[in-house]
């Protein structure tokens, strides 16, 4: 929404901050005929909303098909990415991490072993 379409002063401030995020509060206030304090207040609310939105939309907040990773102190994919593990190593971590919660413990451990076997082949 452009500044012209914004009805309230808060809406106009939000629109101008969105268009020119680096502008100081005093310049936005001067352009819109309001106070720097009002611009600062709107900017603070916008930042708080952005943080809440970012926190609520993290991929770690949702899990597709099951809950077997939800109780983990460290999500397996975060561990995998942080440690720059490859596909085979990552799947080993994944299956070993979830085998107790998934309902098919032996199957998951066999899958982990299958990936480990494939990884070991690279050393022969």
PDB file of N, CA and C in Angstrom:
ATOM      1  N   UNK A   1       0.843  -1.165   0.000  1.00  0.00           N
ATOM      2  CA  UNK A   1       0.000   0.000   0.000  1.00  0.00           C
ATOM      3  C   UNK A   1       0.893   1.234   0.000  1.00  0.00           C
ATOM      4  N   UNK A   2       0.561   2.207  -0.833  1.00  0.00           N
ATOM      5  CA  UNK A   2       1.315   3.442  -0.903  1.00  0.00           C
ATOM      6  C   UNK A   2       0.874   4.413   0.171  1.00  0.00           C
ATOM      7  N   UNK A   3       1.644   5.469   0.325  1.00  0.00           N
ATOM      8  CA  UNK A   3       1.341   6.477   1.343  1.00  0.00           C
ATOM      9  C   UNK A   3      -0.002   7.128   1.052  1.00  0.00           C
ATOM     10  N   UNK A   4      -0.294   7.345  -0.233  1.00  0.00           N
ATOM     11  CA  UNK A   4      -1.543   8.004  -0.613  1.00  0.00           C
ATOM     12  C   UNK A   4      -2.765   7.166  -0.210  1.00  0.00           C
ATOM     13  N   UNK A   5      -2.639   5.831  -0.274  1.00  0.00           N
ATOM     14  CA  UNK A   5      -3.769   4.963   0.038  1.00  0.00           C
ATOM     15  C   UNK A   5      -3.944   4.724   1.541  1.00  0.00           C
ATOM     16  N   UNK A   6      -2.902   4.984   2.325  1.00  0.00           N
ATOM     17  CA  UNK A   6      -2.979   4.755   3.766  1.00  0.00           C
ATOM     18  C   UNK A   6      -3.905   5.788   4.380  1.00  0.00           C
ATOM     19  N   UNK A   7      -4.841   5.337   5.201  1.00  0.00           N
ATOM     20  CA  UNK A   7      -5.814   6.255   5.780  1.00  0.00           C
ATOM     21  C   UNK A   7      -5.305   6.951   7.024  1.00  0.00           C
ATOM     22  N   UNK A   8      -4.814   6.195   7.984  1.00  0.00           N
ATOM     23  CA  UNK A   8      -4.395   6.782   9.260  1.00  0.00           C
ATOM     24  C   UNK A   8      -2.955   7.271   9.181  1.00  0.00           C
ATOM     25  N   UNK A   9      -2.578   8.083  10.144  1.00  0.00           N
ATOM     26  CA  UNK A   9      -1.196   8.553  10.208  1.00  0.00           C
ATOM     27  C   UNK A   9      -0.257   7.375  10.430  1.00  0.00           C
ATOM     28  N   UNK A  10      -0.669   6.407  11.281  1.00  0.00           N
ATOM     29  CA  UNK A  10       0.170   5.228  11.505  1.00  0.00           C
ATOM     30  C   UNK A  10       0.378   4.466  10.202  1.00  0.00           C
ATOM     31  N   UNK A  11      -0.672   4.338   9.415  1.00  0.00           N
ATOM     32  CA  UNK A  11      -0.570   3.660   8.126  1.00  0.00           C
ATOM     33  C   UNK A  11       0.371   4.390   7.186  1.00  0.00           C
ATOM     34  N   UNK A  12       0.302   5.716   7.190  1.00  0.00           N
ATOM     35  CA  UNK A  12       1.202   6.512   6.340  1.00  0.00           C
ATOM     36  C   UNK A  12       2.647   6.358   6.797  1.00  0.00           C
ATOM     37  N   UNK A  13       2.849   6.348   8.105  1.00  0.00           N
ATOM     38  CA  UNK A  13       4.204   6.166   8.643  1.00  0.00           C
ATOM     39  C   UNK A  13       4.734   4.788   8.244  1.00  0.00           C
ATOM     40  N   UNK A  14       3.904   3.737   8.429  1.00  0.00           N
ATOM     41  CA  UNK A  14       4.323   2.379   8.050  1.00  0.00           C
ATOM     42  C   UNK A  14       4.675   2.305   6.569  1.00  0.00           C
ATOM     43  N   UNK A  15       3.861   2.918   5.739  1.00  0.00           N
ATOM     44  CA  UNK A  15       4.112   2.898   4.295  1.00  0.00           C
ATOM     45  C   UNK A  15       5.428   3.588   3.952  1.00  0.00           C
ATOM     46  N   UNK A  16       5.701   4.721   4.581  1.00  0.00           N
ATOM     47  CA  UNK A  16       6.936   5.447   4.282  1.00  0.00           C
ATOM     48  C   UNK A  16       8.156   4.720   4.841  1.00  0.00           C
ATOM     49  N   UNK A  17       8.035   4.137   6.020  1.00  0.00           N
ATOM     50  CA  UNK A  17       9.139   3.333   6.578  1.00  0.00           C
ATOM     51  C   UNK A  17       9.416   2.147   5.658  1.00  0.00           C
ATOM     52  N   UNK A  18       8.353   1.526   5.158  1.00  0.00           N
ATOM     53  CA  UNK A  18       8.530   0.400   4.236  1.00  0.00           C
ATOM     54  C   UNK A  18       9.214   0.816   2.946  1.00  0.00           C
ATOM     55  N   UNK A  19       8.897   1.994   2.453  1.00  0.00           N
ATOM     56  CA  UNK A  19       9.492   2.484   1.205  1.00  0.00           C
ATOM     57  C   UNK A  19      10.910   2.998   1.418  1.00  0.00           C
ATOM     58  N   UNK A  20      11.156   3.600   2.560  1.00  0.00           N
ATOM     59  CA  UNK A  20      12.458   4.223   2.850  1.00  0.00           C
ATOM     60  C   UNK A  20      12.922   3.810   4.255  1.00  0.00           C
ATOM     61  N   UNK A  21      13.287   2.537   4.465  1.00  0.00           N
ATOM     62  CA  UNK A  21      13.601   2.056   5.816  1.00  0.00           C
ATOM     63  C   UNK A  21      14.807   2.730   6.468  1.00  0.00           C
ATOM     64  N   UNK A  22      15.689   3.312   5.676  1.00  0.00           N
ATOM     65  CA  UNK A  22      16.890   3.944   6.238  1.00  0.00           C
ATOM     66  C   UNK A  22      16.677   5.409   6.626  1.00  0.00           C
ATOM     67  N   UNK A  23      15.558   5.978   6.252  1.00  0.00           N
ATOM     68  CA  UNK A  23      15.301   7.380   6.586  1.00  0.00           C
ATOM     69  C   UNK A  23      15.226   7.551   8.097  1.00  0.00           C
ATOM     70  N   UNK A  24      15.820   8.617   8.624  1.00  0.00           N
ATOM     71  CA  UNK A  24      15.691   8.887  10.067  1.00  0.00           C
ATOM     72  C   UNK A  24      14.251   9.287  10.406  1.00  0.00           C
ATOM     73  N   UNK A  25      13.882   9.080  11.643  1.00  0.00           N
ATOM     74  CA  UNK A  25      12.530   9.403  12.103  1.00  0.00           C
ATOM     75  C   UNK A  25      12.173  10.865  11.857  1.00  0.00           C
ATOM     76  N   UNK A  26      13.123  11.773  12.063  1.00  0.00           N
ATOM     77  CA  UNK A  26      12.829  13.203  11.910  1.00  0.00           C
ATOM     78  C   UNK A  26      12.453  13.541  10.469  1.00  0.00           C
ATOM     79  N   UNK A  27      13.087  12.879   9.485  1.00  0.00           N
ATOM     80  CA  UNK A  27      12.759  13.147   8.081  1.00  0.00           C
ATOM     81  C   UNK A  27      11.368  12.622   7.726  1.00  0.00           C
ATOM     82  N   UNK A  28      11.042  11.443   8.230  1.00  0.00           N
ATOM     83  CA  UNK A  28       9.703  10.888   7.987  1.00  0.00           C
ATOM     84  C   UNK A  28       8.656  11.788   8.632  1.00  0.00           C
ATOM     85  N   UNK A  29       8.939  12.229   9.856  1.00  0.00           N
ATOM     86  CA  UNK A  29       8.007  13.112  10.566  1.00  0.00           C
ATOM     87  C   UNK A  29       7.795  14.412   9.790  1.00  0.00           C
ATOM     88  N   UNK A  30       8.872  14.991   9.264  1.00  0.00           N
ATOM     89  CA  UNK A  30       8.771  16.246   8.530  1.00  0.00           C
ATOM     90  C   UNK A  30       7.927  16.065   7.270  1.00  0.00           C
ATOM     91  N   UNK A  31       8.152  14.973   6.522  1.00  0.00           N
ATOM     92  CA  UNK A  31       7.412  14.727   5.283  1.00  0.00           C
ATOM     93  C   UNK A  31       5.923  14.542   5.565  1.00  0.00           C
ATOM     94  N   UNK A  32       5.606  13.851   6.644  1.00  0.00           N
ATOM     95  CA  UNK A  32       4.207  13.531   6.931  1.00  0.00           C
ATOM     96  C   UNK A  32       3.521  14.525   7.867  1.00  0.00           C
ATOM     97  N   UNK A  33       4.271  15.460   8.409  1.00  0.00           N
ATOM     98  CA  UNK A  33       3.658  16.446   9.300  1.00  0.00           C
ATOM     99  C   UNK A  33       3.273  15.868  10.641  1.00  0.00           C
ATOM    100  N   UNK A  34       4.138  15.054  11.223  1.00  0.00           N
ATOM    101  CA  UNK A  34       3.889  14.474  12.540  1.00  0.00           C
ATOM    102  C   UNK A  34       5.153  14.625  13.368  1.00  0.00           C
ATOM    103  N   UNK A  35       5.212  13.976  14.521  1.00  0.00           N
ATOM    104  CA  UNK A  35       6.382  14.099  15.395  1.00  0.00           C
ATOM    105  C   UNK A  35       7.332  12.918  15.215  1.00  0.00           C
ATOM    106  N   UNK A  36       8.588  13.159  15.521  1.00  0.00           N
ATOM    107  CA  UNK A  36       9.586  12.081  15.499  1.00  0.00           C
ATOM    108  C   UNK A  36       9.228  10.992  16.503  1.00  0.00           C
ATOM    109  N   UNK A  37       8.656  11.387  17.628  1.00  0.00           N
ATOM    110  CA  UNK A  37       8.260  10.412  18.651  1.00  0.00           C
ATOM    111  C   UNK A  37       7.198   9.463  18.109  1.00  0.00           C
ATOM    112  N   UNK A  38       6.244   9.996  17.356  1.00  0.00           N
ATOM    113  CA  UNK A  38       5.190   9.147  16.772  1.00  0.00           C
ATOM    114  C   UNK A  38       5.794   8.170  15.764  1.00  0.00           C
ATOM    115  N   UNK A  39       6.726   8.640  14.954  1.00  0.00           N
ATOM    116  CA  UNK A  39       7.392   7.766  13.979  1.00  0.00           C
ATOM    117  C   UNK A  39       8.169   6.676  14.711  1.00  0.00           C
ATOM    118  N   UNK A  40       8.876   7.043  15.776  1.00  0.00           N
ATOM    119  CA  UNK A  40       9.646   6.077  16.562  1.00  0.00           C
ATOM    120  C   UNK A  40       8.726   5.016  17.162  1.00  0.00           C
ATOM    121  N   UNK A  41       7.559   5.440  17.634  1.00  0.00           N
ATOM    122  CA  UNK A  41       6.594   4.501  18.220  1.00  0.00           C
ATOM    123  C   UNK A  41       6.123   3.500  17.171  1.00  0.00           C
ATOM    124  N   UNK A  42       5.777   3.977  15.997  1.00  0.00           N
ATOM    125  CA  UNK A  42       5.316   3.081  14.927  1.00  0.00           C
ATOM    126  C   UNK A  42       6.440   2.142  14.506  1.00  0.00           C
ATOM    127  N   UNK A  43       7.654   2.670  14.391  1.00  0.00           N
ATOM    128  CA  UNK A  43       8.793   1.837  13.987  1.00  0.00           C
ATOM    129  C   UNK A  43       9.031   0.715  15.013  1.00  0.00           C
ATOM    130  N   UNK A  44       8.908   1.033  16.306  1.00  0.00           N
ATOM    131  CA  UNK A  44       9.082   0.029  17.360  1.00  0.00           C
ATOM    132  C   UNK A  44       8.041  -1.075  17.243  1.00  0.00           C
ATOM    133  N   UNK A  45       6.802  -0.699  17.029  1.00  0.00           N
ATOM    134  CA  UNK A  45       5.731  -1.692  16.863  1.00  0.00           C
ATOM    135  C   UNK A  45       5.996  -2.564  15.645  1.00  0.00           C
ATOM    136  N   UNK A  46       6.443  -1.955  14.558  1.00  0.00           N
ATOM    137  CA  UNK A  46       6.738  -2.721  13.340  1.00  0.00           C
ATOM    138  C   UNK A  46       7.844  -3.742  13.593  1.00  0.00           C
ATOM    139  N   UNK A  47       8.885  -3.348  14.337  1.00  0.00           N
ATOM    140  CA  UNK A  47       9.986  -4.268  14.645  1.00  0.00           C
ATOM    141  C   UNK A  47       9.504  -5.421  15.515  1.00  0.00           C
ATOM    142  N   UNK A  48       8.680  -5.130  16.512  1.00  0.00           N
ATOM    143  CA  UNK A  48       8.150  -6.183  17.387  1.00  0.00           C
ATOM    144  C   UNK A  48       7.304  -7.165  16.589  1.00  0.00           C
ATOM    145  N   UNK A  49       6.485  -6.655  15.701  1.00  0.00           N
ATOM    146  CA  UNK A  49       5.658  -7.532  14.865  1.00  0.00           C
ATOM    147  C   UNK A  49       6.511  -8.395  13.960  1.00  0.00           C
ATOM    148  N   UNK A  50       7.587  -7.838  13.432  1.00  0.00           N
ATOM    149  CA  UNK A  50       8.477  -8.599  12.555  1.00  0.00           C
ATOM    150  C   UNK A  50       9.138  -9.735  13.321  1.00  0.00           C
ATOM    151  N   UNK A  51       9.551  -9.489  14.563  1.00  0.00           N
ATOM    152  CA  UNK A  51      10.178 -10.525  15.385  1.00  0.00           C
ATOM    153  C   UNK A  51       9.177 -11.622  15.696  1.00  0.00           C
ATOM    154  N   UNK A  52       7.962 -11.244  16.079  1.00  0.00           N
ATOM    155  CA  UNK A  52       6.930 -12.239  16.378  1.00  0.00           C
ATOM    156  C   UNK A  52       6.616 -13.065  15.143  1.00  0.00           C
ATOM    157  N   UNK A  53       6.498 -12.420  13.996  1.00  0.00           N
ATOM    158  CA  UNK A  53       6.205 -13.135  12.757  1.00  0.00           C
ATOM    159  C   UNK A  53       7.335 -14.091  12.402  1.00  0.00           C
ATOM    160  N   UNK A  54       8.572 -13.646  12.540  1.00  0.00           N
ATOM    161  CA  UNK A  54       9.711 -14.502  12.218  1.00  0.00           C
ATOM    162  C   UNK A  54       9.746 -15.711  13.141  1.00  0.00           C
ATOM    163  N   UNK A  55       9.487 -15.498  14.427  1.00  0.00           N
ATOM    164  CA  UNK A  55       9.508 -16.602  15.384  1.00  0.00           C
ATOM    165  C   UNK A  55       8.382 -17.588  15.111  1.00  0.00           C
ATOM    166  N   UNK A  56       7.239 -17.111  14.690  1.00  0.00           N
ATOM    167  CA  UNK A  56       6.084 -17.981  14.479  1.00  0.00           C
ATOM    168  C   UNK A  56       6.159 -18.738  13.162  1.00  0.00           C
ATOM    169  N   UNK A  57       7.036 -18.327  12.257  1.00  0.00           N
ATOM    170  CA  UNK A  57       7.073 -18.968  10.959  1.00  0.00           C
ATOM    171  C   UNK A  57       8.339 -19.786  10.740  1.00  0.00           C
ATOM    172  N   UNK A  58       9.063 -20.099  11.798  1.00  0.00           N
ATOM    173  CA  UNK A  58      10.251 -20.927  11.676  1.00  0.00           C
ATOM    174  C   UNK A  58       9.842 -22.340  11.285  1.00  0.00           C
ATOM    175  N   UNK A  59      10.608 -22.953  10.414  1.00  0.00           N
ATOM    176  CA  UNK A  59      10.334 -24.335  10.014  1.00  0.00           C
ATOM    177  C   UNK A  59      10.405 -25.278  11.212  1.00  0.00           C
ATOM    178  N   UNK A  60      11.169 -24.925  12.236  1.00  0.00           N
ATOM    179  CA  UNK A  60      11.252 -25.763  13.428  1.00  0.00           C
ATOM    180  C   UNK A  60       9.967 -25.746  14.252  1.00  0.00           C
ATOM    181  N   UNK A  61       9.101 -24.761  14.019  1.00  0.00           N
ATOM    182  CA  UNK A  61       7.850 -24.674  14.758  1.00  0.00           C
ATOM    183  C   UNK A  61       6.786 -25.638  14.244  1.00  0.00           C
ATOM    184  N   UNK A  62       6.987 -26.161  13.065  1.00  0.00           N
ATOM    185  CA  UNK A  62       6.019 -27.090  12.494  1.00  0.00           C
ATOM    186  C   UNK A  62       6.731 -28.359  12.063  1.00  0.00           C
ATOM    187  N   UNK A  63       5.971 -29.438  12.041  1.00  0.00           N
ATOM    188  CA  UNK A  63       6.508 -30.691  11.526  1.00  0.00           C
ATOM    189  C   UNK A  63       5.421 -31.362  10.714  1.00  0.00           C
ATOM    190  N   UNK A  64       5.772 -31.751   9.531  1.00  0.00           N
ATOM    191  CA  UNK A  64       4.835 -32.431   8.646  1.00  0.00           C
ATOM    192  C   UNK A  64       4.870 -33.915   8.981  1.00  0.00           C
ATOM    193  N   UNK A  65       3.706 -34.511   9.162  1.00  0.00           N
ATOM    194  CA  UNK A  65       3.570 -35.961   9.359  1.00  0.00           C
ATOM    195  C   UNK A  65       4.286 -36.484  10.597  1.00  0.00           C
ATOM    196  N   UNK A  66       3.757 -36.187  11.738  1.00  0.00           N
ATOM    197  CA  UNK A  66       4.274 -36.791  12.959  1.00  0.00           C
ATOM    198  C   UNK A  66       4.815 -35.781  13.937  1.00  0.00           C
ATOM    199  N   UNK A  67       5.277 -36.309  15.090  1.00  0.00           N
ATOM    200  CA  UNK A  67       5.836 -35.444  16.137  1.00  0.00           C
ATOM    201  C   UNK A  67       7.167 -35.986  16.639  1.00  0.00           C
ATOM    202  N   UNK A  68       7.780 -36.871  15.896  1.00  0.00           N
ATOM    203  CA  UNK A  68       8.973 -37.566  16.369  1.00  0.00           C
ATOM    204  C   UNK A  68      10.215 -36.680  16.503  1.00  0.00           C
ATOM    205  N   UNK A  69      10.206 -35.445  16.005  1.00  0.00           N
ATOM    206  CA  UNK A  69      11.340 -34.534  16.197  1.00  0.00           C
ATOM    207  C   UNK A  69      11.013 -33.399  17.153  1.00  0.00           C
ATOM    208  N   UNK A  70       9.747 -33.205  17.490  1.00  0.00           N
ATOM    209  CA  UNK A  70       9.315 -32.035  18.263  1.00  0.00           C
ATOM    210  C   UNK A  70       9.980 -31.929  19.640  1.00  0.00           C
ATOM    211  N   UNK A  71      10.221 -33.025  20.315  1.00  0.00           N
ATOM    212  CA  UNK A  71      10.768 -32.976  21.668  1.00  0.00           C
ATOM    213  C   UNK A  71      12.280 -32.910  21.734  1.00  0.00           C
ATOM    214  N   UNK A  72      12.936 -32.826  20.625  1.00  0.00           N
ATOM    215  CA  UNK A  72      14.401 -32.833  20.600  1.00  0.00           C
ATOM    216  C   UNK A  72      14.967 -31.491  21.071  1.00  0.00           C
ATOM    217  N   UNK A  73      16.013 -31.545  21.862  1.00  0.00           N
ATOM    218  CA  UNK A  73      16.690 -30.323  22.300  1.00  0.00           C
ATOM    219  C   UNK A  73      17.331 -29.617  21.114  1.00  0.00           C
ATOM    220  N   UNK A  74      17.826 -30.400  20.178  1.00  0.00           N
ATOM    221  CA  UNK A  74      18.402 -29.875  18.936  1.00  0.00           C
ATOM    222  C   UNK A  74      17.734 -30.628  17.799  1.00  0.00           C
ATOM    223  N   UNK A  75      17.148 -29.889  16.873  1.00  0.00           N
ATOM    224  CA  UNK A  75      16.523 -30.536  15.723  1.00  0.00           C
ATOM    225  C   UNK A  75      17.607 -31.197  14.881  1.00  0.00           C
ATOM    226  N   UNK A  76      17.389 -32.445  14.439  1.00  0.00           N
ATOM    227  CA  UNK A  76      18.413 -33.131  13.638  1.00  0.00           C
ATOM    228  C   UNK A  76      18.879 -32.312  12.443  1.00  0.00           C
ATOM    229  N   UNK A  77      17.965 -31.633  11.748  1.00  0.00           N
ATOM    230  CA  UNK A  77      18.422 -30.882  10.570  1.00  0.00           C
ATOM    231  C   UNK A  77      19.289 -29.695  10.957  1.00  0.00           C
ATOM    232  N   UNK A  78      19.050 -29.095  12.131  1.00  0.00           N
ATOM    233  CA  UNK A  78      19.923 -28.013  12.587  1.00  0.00           C
ATOM    234  C   UNK A  78      21.324 -28.557  12.874  1.00  0.00           C
ATOM    235  N   UNK A  79      21.394 -29.727  13.496  1.00  0.00           N
ATOM    236  CA  UNK A  79      22.686 -30.369  13.764  1.00  0.00           C
ATOM    237  C   UNK A  79      23.396 -30.708  12.455  1.00  0.00           C
ATOM    238  N   UNK A  80      22.653 -31.264  11.517  1.00  0.00           N
ATOM    239  CA  UNK A  80      23.212 -31.662  10.225  1.00  0.00           C
ATOM    240  C   UNK A  80      23.780 -30.455   9.481  1.00  0.00           C
ATOM    241  N   UNK A  81      22.992 -29.390   9.396  1.00  0.00           N
ATOM    242  CA  UNK A  81      23.431 -28.188   8.678  1.00  0.00           C
ATOM    243  C   UNK A  81      24.598 -27.519   9.400  1.00  0.00           C
ATOM    244  N   UNK A  82      24.509 -27.386  10.726  1.00  0.00           N
ATOM    245  CA  UNK A  82      25.565 -26.718  11.499  1.00  0.00           C
ATOM    246  C   UNK A  82      26.904 -27.433  11.382  1.00  0.00           C
ATOM    247  N   UNK A  83      26.858 -28.742  11.253  1.00  0.00           N
ATOM    248  CA  UNK A  83      28.082 -29.532  11.167  1.00  0.00           C
ATOM    249  C   UNK A  83      28.470 -29.885   9.733  1.00  0.00           C
ATOM    250  N   UNK A  84      27.744 -29.307   8.771  1.00  0.00           N
ATOM    251  CA  UNK A  84      28.024 -29.480   7.345  1.00  0.00           C
ATOM    252  C   UNK A  84      28.146 -30.958   6.958  1.00  0.00           C
ATOM    253  N   UNK A  85      27.206 -31.758   7.467  1.00  0.00           N
ATOM    254  CA  UNK A  85      27.202 -33.178   7.137  1.00  0.00           C
ATOM    255  C   UNK A  85      26.604 -33.380   5.751  1.00  0.00           C
ATOM    256  N   UNK A  86      27.065 -34.407   5.082  1.00  0.00           N
ATOM    257  CA  UNK A  86      26.540 -34.733   3.771  1.00  0.00           C
ATOM    258  C   UNK A  86      25.252 -35.528   3.864  1.00  0.00           C
ATOM    259  N   UNK A  87      24.753 -35.926   2.705  1.00  0.00           N
ATOM    260  CA  UNK A  87      23.486 -36.646   2.612  1.00  0.00           C
ATOM    261  C   UNK A  87      23.505 -37.944   3.426  1.00  0.00           C
ATOM    262  N   UNK A  88      24.524 -38.748   3.247  1.00  0.00           N
ATOM    263  CA  UNK A  88      24.571 -40.038   3.947  1.00  0.00           C
ATOM    264  C   UNK A  88      24.689 -39.839   5.452  1.00  0.00           C
ATOM    265  N   UNK A  89      25.615 -38.971   5.874  1.00  0.00           N
ATOM    266  CA  UNK A  89      25.778 -38.713   7.303  1.00  0.00           C
ATOM    267  C   UNK A  89      24.503 -38.115   7.904  1.00  0.00           C
ATOM    268  N   UNK A  90      23.878 -37.220   7.171  1.00  0.00           N
ATOM    269  CA  UNK A  90      22.652 -36.589   7.649  1.00  0.00           C
ATOM    270  C   UNK A  90      21.534 -37.585   7.876  1.00  0.00           C
ATOM    271  N   UNK A  91      21.402 -38.535   6.961  1.00  0.00           N
ATOM    272  CA  UNK A  91      20.360 -39.545   7.141  1.00  0.00           C
ATOM    273  C   UNK A  91      20.663 -40.474   8.307  1.00  0.00           C
ATOM    274  N   UNK A  92      21.926 -40.755   8.538  1.00  0.00           N
ATOM    275  CA  UNK A  92      22.293 -41.562   9.708  1.00  0.00           C
ATOM    276  C   UNK A  92      21.861 -40.842  10.979  1.00  0.00           C
ATOM    277  N   UNK A  93      22.181 -39.552  11.069  1.00  0.00           N
ATOM    278  CA  UNK A  93      21.784 -38.745  12.234  1.00  0.00           C
ATOM    279  C   UNK A  93      20.264 -38.738  12.373  1.00  0.00           C
ATOM    280  N   UNK A  94      19.570 -38.529  11.268  1.00  0.00           N
ATOM    281  CA  UNK A  94      18.105 -38.465  11.288  1.00  0.00           C
ATOM    282  C   UNK A  94      17.491 -39.749  11.843  1.00  0.00           C
ATOM    283  N   UNK A  95      17.893 -40.886  11.297  1.00  0.00           N
ATOM    284  CA  UNK A  95      17.273 -42.145  11.720  1.00  0.00           C
ATOM    285  C   UNK A  95      17.657 -42.538  13.146  1.00  0.00           C
ATOM    286  N   UNK A  96      18.905 -42.273  13.540  1.00  0.00           N
ATOM    287  CA  UNK A  96      19.309 -42.596  14.911  1.00  0.00           C
ATOM    288  C   UNK A  96      18.615 -41.661  15.902  1.00  0.00           C
ATOM    289  N   UNK A  97      18.393 -40.414  15.496  1.00  0.00           N
ATOM    290  CA  UNK A  97      17.734 -39.447  16.386  1.00  0.00           C
ATOM    291  C   UNK A  97      16.278 -39.788  16.664  1.00  0.00           C
ATOM    292  N   UNK A  98      15.615 -40.389  15.716  1.00  0.00           N
ATOM    293  CA  UNK A  98      14.166 -40.570  15.855  1.00  0.00           C
ATOM    294  C   UNK A  98      13.721 -42.003  16.164  1.00  0.00           C
ATOM    295  N   UNK A  99      14.624 -42.966  16.187  1.00  0.00           N
ATOM    296  CA  UNK A  99      14.196 -44.358  16.244  1.00  0.00           C
ATOM    297  C   UNK A  99      13.336 -44.704  17.454  1.00  0.00           C
ATOM    298  N   UNK A 100      13.526 -44.039  18.572  1.00  0.00           N
ATOM    299  CA  UNK A 100      12.728 -44.343  19.770  1.00  0.00           C
ATOM    300  C   UNK A 100      11.315 -43.775  19.691  1.00  0.00           C
ATOM    301  N   UNK A 101      11.132 -42.679  18.970  1.00  0.00           N
ATOM    302  CA  UNK A 101       9.835 -42.008  18.933  1.00  0.00           C
ATOM    303  C   UNK A 101       8.980 -42.386  17.731  1.00  0.00           C
ATOM    304  N   UNK A 102       9.545 -42.917  16.709  1.00  0.00           N
ATOM    305  CA  UNK A 102       8.827 -43.100  15.441  1.00  0.00           C
ATOM    306  C   UNK A 102       7.852 -44.275  15.469  1.00  0.00           C
ATOM    307  N   UNK A 103       8.042 -45.221  16.341  1.00  0.00           N
ATOM    308  CA  UNK A 103       7.143 -46.371  16.383  1.00  0.00           C
ATOM    309  C   UNK A 103       7.676 -47.586  15.637  1.00  0.00           C
ATOM    310  N   UNK A 104       8.779 -47.408  14.938  1.00  0.00           N
ATOM    311  CA  UNK A 104       9.416 -48.509  14.206  1.00  0.00           C
ATOM    312  C   UNK A 104      10.914 -48.494  14.501  1.00  0.00           C
ATOM    313  N   UNK A 105      11.285 -48.735  15.771  1.00  0.00           N
ATOM    314  CA  UNK A 105      12.688 -48.560  16.157  1.00  0.00           C
ATOM    315  C   UNK A 105      13.665 -49.417  15.355  1.00  0.00           C
ATOM    316  N   UNK A 106      13.350 -50.681  15.182  1.00  0.00           N
ATOM    317  CA  UNK A 106      14.284 -51.545  14.459  1.00  0.00           C
ATOM    318  C   UNK A 106      14.410 -51.110  13.001  1.00  0.00           C
ATOM    319  N   UNK A 107      13.300 -50.745  12.385  1.00  0.00           N
ATOM    320  CA  UNK A 107      13.336 -50.311  10.987  1.00  0.00           C
ATOM    321  C   UNK A 107      14.193 -49.063  10.825  1.00  0.00           C
ATOM    322  N   UNK A 108      14.059 -48.107  11.736  1.00  0.00           N
ATOM    323  CA  UNK A 108      14.861 -46.891  11.638  1.00  0.00           C
ATOM    324  C   UNK A 108      16.345 -47.182  11.861  1.00  0.00           C
ATOM    325  N   UNK A 109      16.663 -48.067  12.789  1.00  0.00           N
ATOM    326  CA  UNK A 109      18.072 -48.415  13.002  1.00  0.00           C
ATOM    327  C   UNK A 109      18.637 -49.162  11.788  1.00  0.00           C
ATOM    328  N   UNK A 110      17.826 -49.987  11.154  1.00  0.00           N
ATOM    329  CA  UNK A 110      18.283 -50.660   9.935  1.00  0.00           C
ATOM    330  C   UNK A 110      18.504 -49.663   8.791  1.00  0.00           C
ATOM    331  N   UNK A 111      17.652 -48.662   8.716  1.00  0.00           N
ATOM    332  CA  UNK A 111      17.845 -47.611   7.706  1.00  0.00           C
ATOM    333  C   UNK A 111      19.145 -46.860   7.980  1.00  0.00           C
ATOM    334  N   UNK A 112      19.393 -46.537   9.254  1.00  0.00           N
ATOM    335  CA  UNK A 112      20.639 -45.850   9.613  1.00  0.00           C
ATOM    336  C   UNK A 112      21.835 -46.708   9.229  1.00  0.00           C
ATOM    337  N   UNK A 113      21.755 -47.997   9.505  1.00  0.00           N
ATOM    338  CA  UNK A 113      22.858 -48.902   9.155  1.00  0.00           C
ATOM    339  C   UNK A 113      23.043 -48.977   7.650  1.00  0.00           C
ATOM    340  N   UNK A 114      21.949 -48.957   6.897  1.00  0.00           N
ATOM    341  CA  UNK A 114      22.032 -48.992   5.437  1.00  0.00           C
ATOM    342  C   UNK A 114      22.811 -47.776   4.916  1.00  0.00           C
ATOM    343  N   UNK A 115      22.506 -46.596   5.447  1.00  0.00           N
ATOM    344  CA  UNK A 115      23.246 -45.394   5.063  1.00  0.00           C
ATOM    345  C   UNK A 115      24.695 -45.471   5.527  1.00  0.00           C
ATOM    346  N   UNK A 116      24.933 -46.038   6.711  1.00  0.00           N
ATOM    347  CA  UNK A 116      26.297 -46.206   7.198  1.00  0.00           C
ATOM    348  C   UNK A 116      27.074 -47.168   6.306  1.00  0.00           C
ATOM    349  N   UNK A 117      26.431 -48.262   5.887  1.00  0.00           N
ATOM    350  CA  UNK A 117      27.075 -49.198   4.956  1.00  0.00           C
ATOM    351  C   UNK A 117      27.474 -48.498   3.667  1.00  0.00           C
ATOM    352  N   UNK A 118      26.595 -47.681   3.146  1.00  0.00           N
ATOM    353  CA  UNK A 118      26.890 -46.946   1.917  1.00  0.00           C
ATOM    354  C   UNK A 118      28.050 -45.965   2.140  1.00  0.00           C
ATOM    355  N   UNK A 119      28.060 -45.309   3.273  1.00  0.00           N
ATOM    356  CA  UNK A 119      29.151 -44.394   3.593  1.00  0.00           C
ATOM    357  C   UNK A 119      30.475 -45.148   3.705  1.00  0.00           C
ATOM    358  N   UNK A 120      30.458 -46.308   4.347  1.00  0.00           N
ATOM    359  CA  UNK A 120      31.679 -47.118   4.483  1.00  0.00           C
ATOM    360  C   UNK A 120      32.212 -47.590   3.131  1.00  0.00           C
ATOM    361  N   UNK A 121      31.327 -47.793   2.161  1.00  0.00           N
ATOM    362  CA  UNK A 121      31.762 -48.195   0.823  1.00  0.00           C
ATOM    363  C   UNK A 121      32.688 -47.154   0.192  1.00  0.00           C
ATOM    364  N   UNK A 122      32.537 -45.912   0.577  1.00  0.00           N
ATOM    365  CA  UNK A 122      33.371 -44.864  -0.010  1.00  0.00           C
ATOM    366  C   UNK A 122      34.831 -44.961   0.447  1.00  0.00           C
ATOM    367  N   UNK A 123      35.099 -45.773   1.460  1.00  0.00           N
ATOM    368  CA  UNK A 123      36.467 -45.940   1.973  1.00  0.00           C
ATOM    369  C   UNK A 123      37.140 -47.186   1.417  1.00  0.00           C
ATOM    370  N   UNK A 124      36.462 -47.917   0.560  1.00  0.00           N
ATOM    371  CA  UNK A 124      37.072 -49.136   0.002  1.00  0.00           C
ATOM    372  C   UNK A 124      37.469 -48.954  -1.442  1.00  0.00           C
TER     373      UNK A 124
END
